[in-house]
Amino acid sequence: NGFFAVVHDVFTMPKAMRQLAWVQFFSWFSLFAMWIYTTAAVTSHHYGSVDVTSKAYNDGADWVGVLFAAYNGFAALAALVIPVMVKRVGIR
């Protein structure tokens, strides 16, 4: 059974991986919340609209798309820089 295999793996994984599992869980939980609520937050706070049919709301929703694109662009750049940093500084 796949479920029991996963449970077994969780309890037998090395300590460092178990600690990272908590980090991954809360990181993904936060990203999920961000993906759901960013449009509503930006449109209501910065554009003053909660009416999904209004121009202001749709302008805000478009801006959220720009923000997410910038977020992904910076993440891609950081991913390219990380190997260079590791070569210079080392893993530890």
Protein backbone atom coordinates (compact mmCIF):
# COMPACT_ATOMS: atom_id res chain seq x y z
CA ASN A 1 0.00 0.00 0.00
CA GLY A 2 1.40 3.38 -1.02
CA PHE A 3 0.14 5.21 2.08
CA PHE A 4 1.96 2.88 4.47
CA ALA A 5 5.12 3.12 2.38
CA VAL A 6 5.04 6.92 2.69
CA VAL A 7 4.42 6.73 6.46
CA HIS A 8 7.30 4.27 6.81
CA ASP A 9 9.59 6.51 4.78
CA VAL A 10 8.68 9.56 6.89
CA PHE A 11 9.57 7.78 10.12
CA THR A 12 12.82 6.28 8.79
CA MET A 13 14.19 9.30 6.92
CA PRO A 14 17.33 11.04 8.21
CA LYS A 15 16.89 13.81 10.79
CA ALA A 16 17.91 16.59 8.39
CA MET A 17 15.27 15.51 5.87
CA ARG A 18 12.62 15.35 8.59
CA GLN A 19 13.45 18.92 9.61
CA LEU A 20 13.25 20.05 5.99
CA ALA A 21 9.86 18.36 5.65
CA TRP A 22 8.43 20.90 8.12
CA VAL A 23 9.98 23.76 6.18
CA GLN A 24 8.55 22.42 2.92
CA PHE A 25 5.10 21.92 4.43
CA PHE A 26 4.83 25.46 5.74
CA SER A 27 6.39 26.94 2.59
CA TRP A 28 3.84 25.26 0.35
CA PHE A 29 1.01 26.07 2.76
CA SER A 30 2.01 29.74 2.58
CA LEU A 31 2.29 29.70 -1.20
CA PHE A 32 -1.16 28.13 -1.46
CA ALA A 33 -2.60 30.90 0.72
CA MET A 34 -0.79 33.53 -1.36
CA TRP A 35 -2.14 32.12 -4.64
CA ILE A 36 -5.69 32.14 -3.30
CA TYR A 37 -5.85 35.48 -1.51
CA THR A 38 -3.48 37.84 -3.36
CA THR A 39 -6.02 38.94 -5.97
CA ALA A 40 -8.69 39.71 -3.39
CA ALA A 41 -6.19 41.52 -1.15
CA VAL A 42 -4.65 43.66 -3.90
CA THR A 43 -7.95 44.55 -5.53
CA SER A 44 -9.68 45.49 -2.29
CA HIS A 45 -6.78 47.30 -0.62
CA HIS A 46 -5.05 49.05 -3.53
CA TYR A 47 -7.86 49.28 -6.10
CA GLY A 48 -10.77 49.72 -3.68
CA SER A 49 -13.00 47.16 -5.36
CA VAL A 50 -14.49 43.81 -4.42
CA ASP A 51 -16.88 43.70 -7.40
CA VAL A 52 -15.38 41.15 -9.77
CA THR A 53 -17.18 42.74 -12.72
CA SER A 54 -15.73 46.22 -12.20
CA LYS A 55 -12.87 47.68 -14.22
CA ALA A 56 -10.93 48.52 -11.04
CA TYR A 57 -11.09 44.92 -9.84
CA ASN A 58 -9.95 43.59 -13.20
CA ASP A 59 -7.12 46.13 -13.37
CA GLY A 60 -6.02 44.93 -9.93
CA ALA A 61 -6.29 41.30 -10.99
CA ASP A 62 -4.13 42.09 -14.04
CA TRP A 63 -1.58 43.72 -11.73
CA VAL A 64 -1.50 40.56 -9.61
CA GLY A 65 -0.53 38.68 -12.77
CA VAL A 66 2.36 41.10 -13.25
CA LEU A 67 3.40 40.66 -9.60
CA PHE A 68 3.37 36.86 -9.90
CA ALA A 69 5.38 37.05 -13.13
CA ALA A 70 7.98 39.25 -11.42
CA TYR A 71 8.04 36.86 -8.44
CA ASN A 72 8.74 33.92 -10.76
CA GLY A 73 11.34 35.90 -12.69
CA PHE A 74 13.26 36.76 -9.53
CA ALA A 75 13.03 33.13 -8.40
CA ALA A 76 14.49 31.99 -11.73
CA LEU A 77 17.34 34.47 -11.41
CA ALA A 78 18.02 33.31 -7.86
CA ALA A 79 18.09 29.71 -9.07
CA LEU A 80 20.81 30.66 -11.56
CA VAL A 81 22.84 32.46 -8.89
CA ILE A 82 22.71 29.70 -6.26
CA PRO A 83 25.25 27.36 -7.98
CA VAL A 84 27.70 30.26 -8.33
CA MET A 85 27.34 31.09 -4.65
CA VAL A 86 27.86 27.45 -3.67
CA LYS A 87 31.07 27.28 -5.73
CA ARG A 88 32.43 30.41 -4.06
CA VAL A 89 31.27 29.86 -0.49
CA GLY A 90 30.98 26.09 -0.36
CA ILE A 91 28.12 23.99 0.88
CA ARG A 92 28.83 24.69 4.55
